[in-house]
Amino acid sequence: MRPVPPQLLRRLPPQPGYEWHIVGSDLVLTAIGTAIVADILINVLQ
C-alpha cells in the first residue's frame, strides 16, 4: 500500500474516518481505526 498523492486525493470524495491508499493499479478505501477495506476502485491508475 502506498499513500495517494495530494493532487489525486483532492479529486476523491472525502470519507471521514477512512483513508485512500494505492495498491497496484487500484485505489483502496480503508477504515482508519481497523484497516478494514470499505471500497476498491479497480484499475483506475493504469
PDB file of N, CA and C in Angstrom:
ATOM      1  N   MET A   1       0.852  -1.184   0.000  1.00  0.00           N
ATOM      2  CA  MET A   1       0.000   0.000   0.000  1.00  0.00           C
ATOM      3  C   MET A   1       0.890   1.237   0.000  1.00  0.00           C
ATOM      4  N   ARG A   2       0.485   2.198  -0.813  1.00  0.00           N
ATOM      5  CA  ARG A   2       1.172   3.481  -0.864  1.00  0.00           C
ATOM      6  C   ARG A   2       0.154   4.591  -0.613  1.00  0.00           C
ATOM      7  N   PRO A   3       0.598   5.719  -0.074  1.00  0.00           N
ATOM      8  CA  PRO A   3      -0.328   6.846   0.096  1.00  0.00           C
ATOM      9  C   PRO A   3      -0.705   7.433  -1.264  1.00  0.00           C
ATOM     10  N   VAL A   4      -1.848   8.051  -1.322  1.00  0.00           N
ATOM     11  CA  VAL A   4      -2.330   8.682  -2.545  1.00  0.00           C
ATOM     12  C   VAL A   4      -1.717  10.084  -2.630  1.00  0.00           C
ATOM     13  N   PRO A   5      -1.150  10.460  -3.782  1.00  0.00           N
ATOM     14  CA  PRO A   5      -0.598  11.810  -3.936  1.00  0.00           C
ATOM     15  C   PRO A   5      -1.676  12.878  -3.694  1.00  0.00           C
ATOM     16  N   PRO A   6      -1.293  14.015  -3.099  1.00  0.00           N
ATOM     17  CA  PRO A   6      -2.275  15.062  -2.772  1.00  0.00           C
ATOM     18  C   PRO A   6      -3.105  15.530  -3.963  1.00  0.00           C
ATOM     19  N   GLN A   7      -2.517  15.643  -5.157  1.00  0.00           N
ATOM     20  CA  GLN A   7      -3.280  16.123  -6.311  1.00  0.00           C
ATOM     21  C   GLN A   7      -4.381  15.140  -6.706  1.00  0.00           C
ATOM     22  N   LEU A   8      -4.180  13.848  -6.481  1.00  0.00           N
ATOM     23  CA  LEU A   8      -5.224  12.860  -6.745  1.00  0.00           C
ATOM     24  C   LEU A   8      -6.213  12.804  -5.583  1.00  0.00           C
ATOM     25  N   LEU A   9      -5.725  12.919  -4.369  1.00  0.00           N
ATOM     26  CA  LEU A   9      -6.582  12.858  -3.184  1.00  0.00           C
ATOM     27  C   LEU A   9      -7.638  13.959  -3.207  1.00  0.00           C
ATOM     28  N   ARG A  10      -7.299  15.133  -3.726  1.00  0.00           N
ATOM     29  CA  ARG A  10      -8.266  16.237  -3.810  1.00  0.00           C
ATOM     30  C   ARG A  10      -9.423  15.910  -4.747  1.00  0.00           C
ATOM     31  N   ARG A  11      -9.224  14.985  -5.661  1.00  0.00           N
ATOM     32  CA  ARG A  11     -10.269  14.630  -6.627  1.00  0.00           C
ATOM     33  C   ARG A  11     -11.197  13.525  -6.116  1.00  0.00           C
ATOM     34  N   LEU A  12     -10.848  12.894  -5.011  1.00  0.00           N
ATOM     35  CA  LEU A  12     -11.654  11.809  -4.447  1.00  0.00           C
ATOM     36  C   LEU A  12     -12.647  12.365  -3.437  1.00  0.00           C
ATOM     37  N   PRO A  13     -13.798  11.718  -3.291  1.00  0.00           N
ATOM     38  CA  PRO A  13     -14.779  12.205  -2.312  1.00  0.00           C
ATOM     39  C   PRO A  13     -14.245  12.034  -0.890  1.00  0.00           C
ATOM     40  N   PRO A  14     -14.428  13.046  -0.032  1.00  0.00           N
ATOM     41  CA  PRO A  14     -13.979  12.919   1.359  1.00  0.00           C
ATOM     42  C   PRO A  14     -14.778  11.842   2.088  1.00  0.00           C
ATOM     43  N   GLN A  15     -14.106  11.065   2.891  1.00  0.00           N
ATOM     44  CA  GLN A  15     -14.732   9.986   3.650  1.00  0.00           C
ATOM     45  C   GLN A  15     -14.239  10.063   5.089  1.00  0.00           C
ATOM     46  N   PRO A  16     -14.939  10.790   5.973  1.00  0.00           N
ATOM     47  CA  PRO A  16     -14.482  10.899   7.363  1.00  0.00           C
ATOM     48  C   PRO A  16     -14.307   9.514   8.004  1.00  0.00           C
ATOM     49  N   GLY A  17     -13.174   9.312   8.650  1.00  0.00           N
ATOM     50  CA  GLY A  17     -12.902   8.038   9.307  1.00  0.00           C
ATOM     51  C   GLY A  17     -12.250   7.006   8.404  1.00  0.00           C
ATOM     52  N   TYR A  18     -11.995   7.379   7.154  1.00  0.00           N
ATOM     53  CA  TYR A  18     -11.398   6.462   6.181  1.00  0.00           C
ATOM     54  C   TYR A  18     -10.231   7.141   5.482  1.00  0.00           C
ATOM     55  N   GLU A  19      -9.371   6.349   4.856  1.00  0.00           N
ATOM     56  CA  GLU A  19      -8.284   6.908   4.063  1.00  0.00           C
ATOM     57  C   GLU A  19      -8.063   6.062   2.822  1.00  0.00           C
ATOM     58  N   TRP A  20      -7.647   6.749   1.750  1.00  0.00           N
ATOM     59  CA  TRP A  20      -7.386   6.099   0.474  1.00  0.00           C
ATOM     60  C   TRP A  20      -5.935   5.665   0.403  1.00  0.00           C
ATOM     61  N   HIS A  21      -5.688   4.518  -0.252  1.00  0.00           N
ATOM     62  CA  HIS A  21      -4.342   4.004  -0.492  1.00  0.00           C
ATOM     63  C   HIS A  21      -4.274   3.494  -1.925  1.00  0.00           C
ATOM     64  N   ILE A  22      -3.049   3.471  -2.457  1.00  0.00           N
ATOM     65  CA  ILE A  22      -2.812   2.878  -3.773  1.00  0.00           C
ATOM     66  C   ILE A  22      -2.270   1.482  -3.561  1.00  0.00           C
ATOM     67  N   VAL A  23      -2.892   0.519  -4.218  1.00  0.00           N
ATOM     68  CA  VAL A  23      -2.418  -0.875  -4.192  1.00  0.00           C
ATOM     69  C   VAL A  23      -2.369  -1.333  -5.643  1.00  0.00           C
ATOM     70  N   GLY A  24      -1.163  -1.421  -6.190  1.00  0.00           N
ATOM     71  CA  GLY A  24      -1.024  -1.756  -7.602  1.00  0.00           C
ATOM     72  C   GLY A  24      -1.645  -0.670  -8.446  1.00  0.00           C
ATOM     73  N   SER A  25      -2.644  -1.012  -9.260  1.00  0.00           N
ATOM     74  CA  SER A  25      -3.342  -0.015 -10.076  1.00  0.00           C
ATOM     75  C   SER A  25      -4.726   0.309  -9.508  1.00  0.00           C
ATOM     76  N   ASP A  26      -4.973  -0.104  -8.263  1.00  0.00           N
ATOM     77  CA  ASP A  26      -6.275   0.106  -7.619  1.00  0.00           C
ATOM     78  C   ASP A  26      -6.189   1.178  -6.537  1.00  0.00           C
ATOM     79  N   LEU A  27      -7.319   1.825  -6.266  1.00  0.00           N
ATOM     80  CA  LEU A  27      -7.454   2.697  -5.107  1.00  0.00           C
ATOM     81  C   LEU A  27      -8.289   1.942  -4.077  1.00  0.00           C
ATOM     82  N   VAL A  28      -7.800   1.905  -2.841  1.00  0.00           N
ATOM     83  CA  VAL A  28      -8.463   1.149  -1.786  1.00  0.00           C
ATOM     84  C   VAL A  28      -8.817   2.100  -0.641  1.00  0.00           C
ATOM     85  N   LEU A  29     -10.069   2.073  -0.216  1.00  0.00           N
ATOM     86  CA  LEU A  29     -10.543   2.886   0.896  1.00  0.00           C
ATOM     87  C   LEU A  29     -10.592   2.008   2.142  1.00  0.00           C
ATOM     88  N   THR A  30      -9.855   2.400   3.191  1.00  0.00           N
ATOM     89  CA  THR A  30      -9.807   1.603   4.409  1.00  0.00           C
ATOM     90  C   THR A  30     -10.218   2.439   5.621  1.00  0.00           C
ATOM     91  N   ALA A  31     -10.805   1.779   6.606  1.00  0.00           N
ATOM     92  CA  ALA A  31     -11.151   2.434   7.863  1.00  0.00           C
ATOM     93  C   ALA A  31      -9.864   2.725   8.630  1.00  0.00           C
ATOM     94  N   ILE A  32      -9.746   3.925   9.168  1.00  0.00           N
ATOM     95  CA  ILE A  32      -8.517   4.333   9.846  1.00  0.00           C
ATOM     96  C   ILE A  32      -8.248   3.488  11.090  1.00  0.00           C
ATOM     97  N   GLY A  33      -9.236   3.241  11.905  1.00  0.00           N
ATOM     98  CA  GLY A  33      -9.027   2.536  13.162  1.00  0.00           C
ATOM     99  C   GLY A  33      -8.816   1.041  13.042  1.00  0.00           C
ATOM    100  N   THR A  34      -9.378   0.422  12.007  1.00  0.00           N
ATOM    101  CA  THR A  34      -9.345  -1.040  11.916  1.00  0.00           C
ATOM    102  C   THR A  34      -8.650  -1.570  10.671  1.00  0.00           C
ATOM    103  N   ALA A  35      -8.415  -0.711   9.689  1.00  0.00           N
ATOM    104  CA  ALA A  35      -7.819  -1.093   8.392  1.00  0.00           C
ATOM    105  C   ALA A  35      -8.722  -2.052   7.611  1.00  0.00           C
ATOM    106  N   ILE A  36     -10.004  -2.073   7.918  1.00  0.00           N
ATOM    107  CA  ILE A  36     -10.956  -2.880   7.158  1.00  0.00           C
ATOM    108  C   ILE A  36     -11.227  -2.185   5.828  1.00  0.00           C
ATOM    109  N   VAL A  37     -11.175  -2.931   4.742  1.00  0.00           N
ATOM    110  CA  VAL A  37     -11.406  -2.377   3.414  1.00  0.00           C
ATOM    111  C   VAL A  37     -12.892  -2.075   3.238  1.00  0.00           C
ATOM    112  N   ALA A  38     -13.182  -0.829   2.869  1.00  0.00           N
ATOM    113  CA  ALA A  38     -14.566  -0.393   2.682  1.00  0.00           C
ATOM    114  C   ALA A  38     -14.937  -0.329   1.202  1.00  0.00           C
ATOM    115  N   ASP A  39     -13.937  -0.058   0.338  1.00  0.00           N
ATOM    116  CA  ASP A  39     -14.226   0.065  -1.090  1.00  0.00           C
ATOM    117  C   ASP A  39     -12.936  -0.113  -1.869  1.00  0.00           C
ATOM    118  N   ILE A  40     -13.065  -0.586  -3.103  1.00  0.00           N
ATOM    119  CA  ILE A  40     -11.935  -0.731  -4.007  1.00  0.00           C
ATOM    120  C   ILE A  40     -12.350  -0.196  -5.369  1.00  0.00           C
ATOM    121  N   LEU A  41     -11.552   0.718  -5.906  1.00  0.00           N
ATOM    122  CA  LEU A  41     -11.753   1.208  -7.265  1.00  0.00           C
ATOM    123  C   LEU A  41     -10.703   0.514  -8.116  1.00  0.00           C
ATOM    124  N   ILE A  42     -11.150  -0.426  -8.928  1.00  0.00           N
ATOM    125  CA  ILE A  42     -10.254  -1.336  -9.661  1.00  0.00           C
ATOM    126  C   ILE A  42      -9.716  -0.686 -10.934  1.00  0.00           C
ATOM    127  N   ASN A  43      -8.402  -0.842 -11.124  1.00  0.00           N
ATOM    128  CA  ASN A  43      -7.705  -0.411 -12.349  1.00  0.00           C
ATOM    129  C   ASN A  43      -7.877   1.061 -12.693  1.00  0.00           C
ATOM    130  N   VAL A  44      -7.956   1.934 -11.730  1.00  0.00           N
ATOM    131  CA  VAL A  44      -8.107   3.363 -12.020  1.00  0.00           C
ATOM    132  C   VAL A  44      -6.766   4.046 -12.276  1.00  0.00           C
ATOM    133  N   LEU A  45      -5.666   3.386 -12.004  1.00  0.00           N
ATOM    134  CA  LEU A  45      -4.353   4.015 -12.151  1.00  0.00           C
ATOM    135  C   LEU A  45      -3.520   3.346 -13.230  1.00  0.00           C
ATOM    136  N   GLN A  46      -4.137   2.916 -14.291  1.00  0.00           N
ATOM    137  CA  GLN A  46      -3.387   2.265 -15.374  1.00  0.00           C
ATOM    138  C   GLN A  46      -2.758   3.280 -16.272  1.00  0.00           C
TER     139      GLN A  46
END
